Amino acid sequence: MEDLLRPIYQERASQSSTLGILILEKNKPISPVTDNFDVILFIIVRDAEELWYVKHYEFENKSAAMHIVDETLLHHWIDTSSYRRAVEWVINGSIIFERNEYVTLMKEHLREFPQKNRNLKKAIEFAKLIRSYSESKDLYDSEQYLDSYSRMVSSLHYLARLSIIEKGFHPEVTVWNQVKRIEPEIYKLYQELIESGEPTDKRIQLMILAVEHSISKRARSSAQHLLELMNEREEPWSFGELKVHPEIQEYILDLSSMIEYLVEHGAIEVIPQETKGPQIFHRTYKPVEQPVNE
């Protein structure tokens, strides 16, 4: 396969802006990782005019997709898991060209999964989990059981991804295969929800209790990215100040529900600030110091 595609990627390899080229072949009939193409050519470049360029090819009854990605966009995908396929292409792809061991070092960085990157990814998944779980619980209370069930499936998915990150791995596209190996307890929850013979409302009721327990025991560690950022100064933060902070932008849409959860569970305290209106206060937020015995 590589020989057939060589004329396509050789031209790219000769360009000084090309940092690395990887190839990944489909190894089963249905392959989400390769978007069902027979082969993926993944080319990493620097200072590209177009951050992400894609071209499709067909040859000898085979199909190929070439992705040319600027390194800044790729690093964003890696840091935020916003395009997991690309992360898998780097991890599992075979290097057919690299400049100054660029791809080799990137693969090593992904294997090490530095704590700073891990904390950001945990915060992103935790924020999504809180919102999805809260919506499922509210829908259950409103007796909208099918909608509640749908949100609970999503909640378990976020919980699964969070648990994988906690163990030091990057979540893959086939996340439940990972969870079955890495965190079997969460996999069992998922099985109970989708395979149990109990009525839908009873299944959701059990999941609400189980997921709430799973969230509460990992809340502080999952929110470490936010709490450490807030601890960088003595003064409490307004929501508006947090909302525009550049390091929070990847989970800004779920930040409000995340903060409310952390307030309710004692990880963040509300500091009222006076306004011009009588008996009306601005809410500002400050992390609560963790007890030594926790």
Protein backbone atom coordinates (compact mmCIF):
# COMPACT_ATOMS: atom_id res chain seq x y z
CA MET A 1 0.00 0.00 0.00
CA GLU A 2 2.81 2.37 0.91
CA ASP A 3 4.50 1.76 -2.45
CA LEU A 4 1.32 2.65 -4.33
CA LEU A 5 0.95 5.92 -2.41
CA ARG A 6 4.62 6.90 -2.61
CA PRO A 7 4.16 9.29 -5.58
CA ILE A 8 1.55 11.18 -3.55
CA TYR A 9 3.54 11.68 -0.36
CA GLN A 10 7.06 11.97 -1.83
CA GLU A 11 6.31 15.43 -3.14
CA ARG A 12 5.19 16.48 0.33
CA ALA A 13 8.23 14.92 1.99
CA SER A 14 10.55 17.04 -0.16
CA GLN A 15 9.01 20.28 1.15
CA SER A 16 10.80 21.95 4.08
CA SER A 17 7.49 22.72 5.82
CA THR A 18 6.62 19.02 6.13
CA LEU A 19 7.45 17.73 9.62
CA GLY A 20 6.23 14.16 9.37
CA ILE A 21 4.11 11.67 7.43
CA LEU A 22 2.29 8.68 8.90
CA ILE A 23 0.28 5.91 7.29
CA LEU A 24 -2.50 3.87 8.88
CA GLU A 25 -4.25 1.00 7.09
CA LYS A 26 -7.71 -0.38 7.74
CA ASN A 27 -7.46 -3.73 9.49
CA LYS A 28 -11.14 -4.77 9.55
CA PRO A 29 -14.17 -4.34 7.24
CA ILE A 30 -15.76 -1.56 9.30
CA SER A 31 -13.12 0.86 10.59
CA PRO A 32 -14.24 4.04 12.37
CA VAL A 33 -10.59 4.92 13.02
CA THR A 34 -9.90 5.32 9.29
CA ASP A 35 -13.37 6.65 8.43
CA ASN A 36 -13.73 3.33 6.53
CA PHE A 37 -11.01 4.29 4.06
CA ASP A 38 -8.51 1.55 3.28
CA VAL A 39 -5.64 3.82 4.23
CA ILE A 40 -5.03 7.18 5.89
CA LEU A 41 -2.06 9.36 4.95
CA PHE A 42 -1.51 11.85 7.76
CA ILE A 43 0.88 14.69 6.95
CA ILE A 44 1.96 17.20 9.60
CA VAL A 45 3.19 20.56 8.33
CA ARG A 46 4.28 23.92 9.67
CA ASP A 47 2.88 27.38 8.74
CA ALA A 48 0.22 26.01 6.38
CA GLU A 49 -2.04 28.43 4.53
CA GLU A 50 -4.94 26.05 5.17
CA LEU A 51 -4.89 24.53 8.66
CA TRP A 52 -6.52 21.27 7.56
CA TYR A 53 -6.57 20.07 3.97
CA VAL A 54 -8.17 16.76 2.96
CA LYS A 55 -8.08 14.91 -0.36
CA HIS A 56 -9.59 11.51 -1.26
CA TYR A 57 -8.09 8.98 -3.69
CA GLU A 58 -9.13 5.71 -5.29
CA PHE A 59 -6.78 3.08 -6.76
CA GLU A 60 -7.01 -0.65 -7.52
CA ASN A 61 -10.43 -0.88 -5.83
CA LYS A 62 -8.95 0.74 -2.73
CA SER A 63 -9.62 4.13 -1.16
CA ALA A 64 -7.31 6.54 0.62
CA ALA A 65 -7.72 9.82 2.47
CA MET A 66 -4.87 12.28 2.77
CA HIS A 67 -5.03 14.74 5.67
CA ILE A 68 -2.55 17.62 5.72
CA VAL A 69 -2.70 19.32 9.13
CA ASP A 70 -0.83 22.30 10.52
CA GLU A 71 1.03 21.43 13.72
CA THR A 72 -0.80 24.13 15.74
CA LEU A 73 -4.18 22.60 14.94
CA LEU A 74 -2.88 19.10 15.65
CA HIS A 75 -1.60 20.16 19.08
CA HIS A 76 -5.00 21.70 19.79
CA TRP A 77 -6.68 18.39 18.88
CA ILE A 78 -4.25 16.51 21.12
CA ASP A 79 -4.66 18.85 24.11
CA THR A 80 -8.47 18.90 23.97
CA SER A 81 -9.41 15.53 22.41
CA SER A 82 -11.54 17.54 19.99
CA TYR A 83 -10.64 15.22 17.08
CA ARG A 84 -9.78 11.85 18.57
CA ARG A 85 -9.16 10.11 15.24
CA ALA A 86 -6.17 12.33 14.59
CA VAL A 87 -4.71 11.44 17.98
CA GLU A 88 -5.11 7.75 17.15
CA TRP A 89 -3.45 8.30 13.77
CA VAL A 90 -0.39 9.71 15.51
CA ILE A 91 -0.32 6.99 18.18
CA ASN A 92 -0.98 4.01 15.90
CA GLY A 93 0.25 5.23 12.51
CA SER A 94 3.53 4.04 11.00
CA ILE A 95 6.10 6.75 10.33
CA ILE A 96 7.15 6.86 6.69
CA PHE A 97 8.89 10.26 6.89
CA GLU A 98 9.88 12.65 9.67
CA ARG A 99 12.16 15.62 10.07
CA ASN A 100 14.47 15.67 13.08
CA GLU A 101 12.51 12.86 14.81
CA TYR A 102 9.47 15.13 15.01
CA VAL A 103 6.85 12.37 14.97
CA THR A 104 8.90 10.02 17.17
CA LEU A 105 9.10 12.71 19.86
CA MET A 106 5.38 13.46 19.50
CA LYS A 107 4.51 9.79 19.96
CA GLU A 108 6.69 9.72 23.08
CA HIS A 109 4.96 12.85 24.41
CA LEU A 110 1.57 11.20 23.89
CA ARG A 111 2.72 8.06 25.69
CA GLU A 112 3.97 10.10 28.65
CA PHE A 113 0.72 12.15 28.76
CA PRO A 114 2.07 15.02 30.94
CA GLN A 115 0.02 15.93 34.02
CA LYS A 116 -0.77 19.43 32.75
CA ASN A 117 -2.39 18.04 29.58
CA ARG A 118 -4.12 15.35 31.63
CA ASN A 119 -5.64 17.91 34.03
CA LEU A 120 -7.07 19.97 31.16
CA LYS A 121 -8.62 16.90 29.54
CA LYS A 122 -10.08 15.77 32.86
CA ALA A 123 -11.66 19.19 33.36
CA ILE A 124 -13.19 19.13 29.86
CA GLU A 125 -14.75 15.68 30.36
CA PHE A 126 -15.82 16.44 33.93
CA ALA A 127 -17.61 19.63 32.87
CA LYS A 128 -19.48 17.74 30.14
CA LEU A 129 -20.31 14.96 32.60
CA ILE A 130 -21.81 17.37 35.15
CA ARG A 131 -24.06 19.03 32.60
CA SER A 132 -25.19 15.76 31.02
CA TYR A 133 -25.83 14.12 34.39
CA SER A 134 -27.78 17.15 35.67
CA GLU A 135 -29.94 17.13 32.54
CA SER A 136 -30.60 13.40 32.89
CA LYS A 137 -31.60 13.82 36.53
CA ASP A 138 -33.90 16.76 35.73
CA LEU A 139 -35.56 14.85 32.89
CA TYR A 140 -36.05 11.86 35.19
CA ASP A 141 -37.73 14.08 37.80
CA SER A 142 -40.01 15.36 35.00
CA GLU A 143 -40.85 11.73 34.06
CA GLN A 144 -39.31 12.20 30.62
CA TYR A 145 -37.71 8.78 30.88
CA LEU A 146 -36.55 8.21 27.30
CA ASP A 147 -34.83 11.60 27.13
CA SER A 148 -33.36 10.98 30.57
CA TYR A 149 -32.08 7.60 29.37
CA SER A 150 -30.41 9.22 26.36
CA ARG A 151 -28.62 11.78 28.54
CA MET A 152 -27.58 9.05 30.98
CA VAL A 153 -25.91 7.11 28.16
CA SER A 154 -23.98 10.28 27.32
CA SER A 155 -23.12 10.76 30.99
CA LEU A 156 -21.65 7.27 31.22
CA HIS A 157 -19.67 7.96 28.05
CA TYR A 158 -18.12 11.10 29.60
CA LEU A 159 -17.48 9.20 32.84
CA ALA A 160 -15.78 6.44 30.86
CA ARG A 161 -13.54 8.90 29.03
CA LEU A 162 -12.70 10.64 32.31
CA SER A 163 -11.71 7.34 33.94
CA ILE A 164 -9.42 6.49 31.02
CA ILE A 165 -7.65 9.86 31.30
CA GLU A 166 -7.25 9.33 35.06
CA LYS A 167 -5.35 6.12 34.30
CA GLY A 168 -2.96 8.02 32.03
CA PHE A 169 -4.34 6.98 28.64
CA HIS A 170 -5.86 8.94 25.77
CA PRO A 171 -9.51 7.98 25.08
CA GLU A 172 -9.88 6.24 21.73
CA VAL A 173 -12.78 6.24 19.30
CA THR A 174 -13.75 2.76 20.54
CA VAL A 175 -13.90 3.96 24.14
CA TRP A 176 -15.89 1.07 25.64
CA ASN A 177 -13.26 -1.48 24.58
CA GLN A 178 -10.77 0.58 26.56
CA VAL A 179 -13.06 0.92 29.57
CA LYS A 180 -13.72 -2.82 29.68
CA ARG A 181 -9.97 -3.36 30.17
CA ILE A 182 -9.09 -0.31 32.23
CA GLU A 183 -12.14 0.48 34.39
CA PRO A 184 -14.46 -2.59 34.47
CA GLU A 185 -16.72 -1.07 37.16
CA ILE A 186 -17.85 1.70 34.83
CA TYR A 187 -18.25 -0.81 32.00
CA LYS A 188 -20.61 -2.79 34.26
CA LEU A 189 -22.71 0.34 34.88
CA TYR A 190 -23.04 0.79 31.13
CA GLN A 191 -24.09 -2.85 30.73
CA GLU A 192 -26.67 -2.52 33.49
CA LEU A 193 -28.18 0.54 31.86
CA ILE A 194 -28.51 -0.86 28.34
CA GLU A 195 -29.02 -4.58 29.01
CA SER A 196 -31.04 -4.77 32.23
CA GLY A 197 -34.55 -6.20 32.06
CA GLU A 198 -35.81 -3.58 34.52
CA PRO A 199 -38.22 -0.85 33.33
CA THR A 200 -36.48 2.21 31.91
CA ASP A 201 -37.31 4.45 34.89
CA LYS A 202 -35.87 1.90 37.36
CA ARG A 203 -32.66 1.60 35.34
CA ILE A 204 -32.21 5.37 35.29
CA GLN A 205 -32.97 5.63 39.00
CA LEU A 206 -30.16 3.17 39.79
CA MET A 207 -27.77 4.96 37.43
CA ILE A 208 -28.46 8.35 39.01
CA LEU A 209 -27.27 7.02 42.36
CA ALA A 210 -24.27 5.17 40.91
CA VAL A 211 -23.11 8.04 38.69
CA GLU A 212 -23.56 10.59 41.47
CA HIS A 213 -21.25 8.50 43.65
CA SER A 214 -18.67 8.19 40.85
CA ILE A 215 -18.77 11.94 40.22
CA SER A 216 -18.51 12.98 43.86
CA LYS A 217 -15.49 10.79 44.65
CA ARG A 218 -13.47 12.21 41.74
CA ALA A 219 -14.83 15.79 41.71
CA ARG A 220 -11.85 17.58 43.21
CA SER A 221 -9.22 15.73 41.17
CA SER A 222 -11.25 16.17 37.97
CA ALA A 223 -11.61 19.90 38.60
CA GLN A 224 -7.92 20.33 39.47
CA HIS A 225 -7.26 22.38 36.33
CA LEU A 226 -9.89 24.96 37.36
CA LEU A 227 -9.05 24.95 41.09
CA GLU A 228 -5.31 25.43 40.51
CA LEU A 229 -6.00 28.29 38.12
CA MET A 230 -8.31 29.97 40.69
CA ASN A 231 -5.64 29.54 43.39
CA GLU A 232 -3.17 31.62 41.39
CA ARG A 233 -4.46 34.72 43.19
CA GLU A 234 -5.83 35.50 46.65
CA GLU A 235 -8.89 37.47 45.50
CA PRO A 236 -12.08 35.60 44.61
CA TRP A 237 -13.13 35.36 40.97
CA SER A 238 -16.28 36.63 39.34
CA PHE A 239 -17.80 34.33 36.76
CA GLY A 240 -17.11 36.95 34.11
CA GLU A 241 -13.39 36.89 34.92
CA LEU A 242 -13.28 33.11 34.70
CA LYS A 243 -15.33 33.12 31.51
CA VAL A 244 -12.73 35.13 29.58
CA HIS A 245 -9.68 33.32 30.96
CA PRO A 246 -7.84 31.80 27.97
CA GLU A 247 -7.04 28.50 29.72
CA ILE A 248 -10.71 27.74 30.39
CA GLN A 249 -12.04 28.27 26.88
CA GLU A 250 -12.16 24.54 26.05
CA TYR A 251 -14.86 23.94 28.68
CA ILE A 252 -16.40 27.40 28.89
CA LEU A 253 -19.85 26.24 27.71
CA ASP A 254 -20.13 23.87 30.68
CA LEU A 255 -18.31 26.07 33.21
CA SER A 256 -21.43 27.40 34.94
CA SER A 257 -22.85 23.97 35.78
CA MET A 258 -19.38 22.77 36.80
CA ILE A 259 -18.93 25.66 39.27
CA GLU A 260 -22.42 25.15 40.72
CA TYR A 261 -21.65 21.49 41.33
CA LEU A 262 -18.35 22.34 43.03
CA VAL A 263 -20.10 24.94 45.19
CA GLU A 264 -22.79 22.45 46.23
CA HIS A 265 -20.13 19.87 47.13
CA GLY A 266 -17.84 22.18 49.06
CA ALA A 267 -14.89 22.48 46.68
CA ILE A 268 -15.63 26.13 45.88
CA GLU A 269 -17.19 28.73 48.19
CA VAL A 270 -19.31 31.72 47.23
CA ILE A 271 -17.99 35.10 48.43
CA PRO A 272 -20.79 37.72 48.23
CA GLN A 273 -19.73 41.19 47.07
CA GLU A 274 -21.90 44.24 47.70
CA THR A 275 -23.66 46.00 44.84
CA LYS A 276 -25.46 49.34 44.64
CA GLY A 277 -28.77 47.54 45.15
CA PRO A 278 -29.89 46.85 48.74
CA GLN A 279 -29.71 43.15 49.70
CA ILE A 280 -28.33 42.26 46.25
CA PHE A 281 -24.83 40.82 46.02
CA HIS A 282 -22.44 39.81 43.29
CA ARG A 283 -21.41 36.14 43.53
CA THR A 284 -17.68 35.61 43.41
CA TYR A 285 -15.90 32.29 43.84
CA LYS A 286 -12.90 31.00 45.76
CA PRO A 287 -11.58 27.43 46.07
CA VAL A 288 -11.99 25.78 49.45
CA GLU A 289 -8.74 24.48 50.87
CA GLN A 290 -8.73 20.71 50.97
CA PRO A 291 -8.59 19.24 54.49
CA VAL A 292 -5.26 17.57 55.29
CA ASN A 293 -6.90 14.23 56.14
CA GLU A 294 -8.60 13.87 52.73
